[in-house]
């Protein structure tokens, strides 16, 4: 089964930026889509950004214009700027392969502090 390992979380000041990365290993079937989700305390997990195998991207309204998702083979990156406390959450990497099998990372905490 695909394993996803995220890195890059931590404490960020309001107005700052972050760069998250996630690398997939044990890939047997090609990964089509990779994405970042986040879950704030007491909230449902929500999609932040997605990138397909053709490079087509999608962004949630809440991060549109200040987030950029990119991908190099089986590594996906998320850059976000102009962070505010509402961006505080555990960020999860997600991957879907050609069989539509889904994998999740363990999550990385991002805390935006004033």
Protein backbone atom coordinates (compact mmCIF):
# COMPACT_ATOMS: atom_id res chain seq x y z
CA UNK A 1 0.00 0.00 0.00
CA UNK A 2 1.14 3.53 -0.78
CA UNK A 3 2.76 5.32 2.14
CA UNK A 4 2.70 9.09 2.37
CA UNK A 5 5.05 11.06 4.59
CA UNK A 6 4.50 14.77 5.15
CA UNK A 7 6.95 17.34 6.38
CA UNK A 8 7.18 21.08 6.83
CA UNK A 9 4.60 21.88 9.46
CA UNK A 10 5.22 23.90 12.57
CA UNK A 11 4.58 27.26 14.15
CA UNK A 12 4.15 30.20 11.79
CA UNK A 13 3.44 33.82 12.55
CA UNK A 14 0.38 35.60 11.21
CA UNK A 15 1.14 36.86 7.73
CA UNK A 16 3.88 34.33 7.26
CA UNK A 17 4.17 31.48 4.82
CA UNK A 18 4.56 27.74 4.86
CA UNK A 19 5.84 25.03 2.60
CA UNK A 20 4.63 21.49 3.07
CA UNK A 21 5.90 18.49 1.21
CA UNK A 22 4.67 14.93 0.93
CA UNK A 23 6.42 12.00 -0.68
CA UNK A 24 4.76 8.75 -1.67
CA UNK A 25 6.58 5.46 -1.41
CA UNK A 26 5.65 1.85 -2.08
CA UNK A 27 3.91 3.02 -5.22
CA UNK A 28 2.88 0.07 -7.38
CA UNK A 29 0.09 1.60 -9.44
CA UNK A 30 0.51 5.09 -10.86
CA UNK A 31 -0.78 7.92 -8.72
CA UNK A 32 -3.21 10.14 -10.55
CA UNK A 33 -4.25 12.81 -8.08
CA UNK A 34 -2.44 14.20 -5.06
CA UNK A 35 -3.98 16.64 -2.64
CA UNK A 36 -3.75 18.44 0.65
CA UNK A 37 -6.55 18.40 3.18
CA UNK A 38 -6.71 20.01 6.58
CA UNK A 39 -8.64 19.49 9.77
CA UNK A 40 -8.98 22.14 12.44
CA UNK A 41 -10.00 21.24 16.00
CA UNK A 42 -13.70 20.40 16.12
CA UNK A 43 -14.04 20.73 12.35
CA UNK A 44 -14.44 18.30 9.49
CA UNK A 45 -11.53 17.53 7.25
CA UNK A 46 -11.62 19.81 4.21
CA UNK A 47 -9.90 19.83 0.86
CA UNK A 48 -7.32 22.59 0.52
CA UNK A 49 -5.85 21.91 -2.92
CA UNK A 50 -5.58 19.11 -5.46
CA UNK A 51 -3.38 18.47 -8.46
CA UNK A 52 -4.10 15.89 -11.11
CA UNK A 53 -1.64 13.89 -13.18
CA UNK A 54 -2.12 16.37 -16.02
CA UNK A 55 -1.24 19.28 -13.75
CA UNK A 56 -4.77 20.58 -13.39
CA UNK A 57 -5.18 22.21 -10.01
CA UNK A 58 -8.07 22.99 -7.73
CA UNK A 59 -8.10 25.28 -4.69
CA UNK A 60 -10.60 25.80 -1.94
CA UNK A 61 -12.09 29.28 -1.86
CA UNK A 62 -10.49 29.85 1.53
CA UNK A 63 -6.96 29.58 0.09
CA UNK A 64 -7.49 30.72 -3.50
CA UNK A 65 -4.88 33.28 -4.45
CA UNK A 66 -2.52 32.54 -1.59
CA UNK A 67 -1.81 28.84 -2.07
CA UNK A 68 0.09 26.94 -4.72
CA UNK A 69 0.16 23.19 -5.12
CA UNK A 70 2.82 21.56 -7.25
CA UNK A 71 4.07 18.08 -7.92
CA UNK A 72 7.26 16.35 -8.99
CA UNK A 73 6.62 12.68 -9.73
CA UNK A 74 5.33 11.28 -6.43
CA UNK A 75 6.09 14.30 -4.26
CA UNK A 76 3.53 17.03 -3.77
CA UNK A 77 4.16 20.46 -2.32
CA UNK A 78 1.91 23.11 -0.84
CA UNK A 79 3.01 26.70 -0.54
CA UNK A 80 0.76 29.10 1.33
CA UNK A 81 1.28 32.72 2.26
CA UNK A 82 -0.60 35.41 4.15
CA UNK A 83 -1.38 32.87 6.84
CA UNK A 84 -3.88 33.68 9.54
CA UNK A 85 -5.11 31.79 12.62
CA UNK A 86 -7.92 30.20 10.58
CA UNK A 87 -5.23 28.25 8.74
CA UNK A 88 -4.28 26.47 11.94
CA UNK A 89 -4.98 22.79 11.41
CA UNK A 90 -3.48 19.38 10.88
CA UNK A 91 -2.62 19.15 7.20
CA UNK A 92 -2.94 15.76 5.52
CA UNK A 93 -1.54 14.54 2.25
CA UNK A 94 -3.79 12.42 0.06
CA UNK A 95 -3.09 10.34 -3.03
CA UNK A 96 -5.31 8.38 -5.39
CA UNK A 97 -3.96 5.79 -7.81
CA UNK A 98 -5.30 4.55 -11.14
CA UNK A 99 -7.36 1.92 -9.31
CA UNK A 100 -8.99 4.74 -7.33
CA UNK A 101 -7.36 3.46 -4.16
CA UNK A 102 -6.82 6.26 -1.68
CA UNK A 103 -3.94 6.77 0.75
CA UNK A 104 -3.46 9.28 3.57
CA UNK A 105 -0.45 10.64 5.35
CA UNK A 106 -0.22 10.84 9.10
CA UNK A 107 -0.70 14.59 9.12
CA UNK A 108 1.48 17.53 10.04
CA UNK A 109 0.45 20.26 12.45
CA UNK A 110 0.46 23.87 11.28
CA UNK A 111 -0.15 26.50 13.94
CA UNK A 112 -0.50 30.14 12.98
CA UNK A 113 0.17 32.37 15.94
CA UNK A 114 -0.13 36.08 16.45
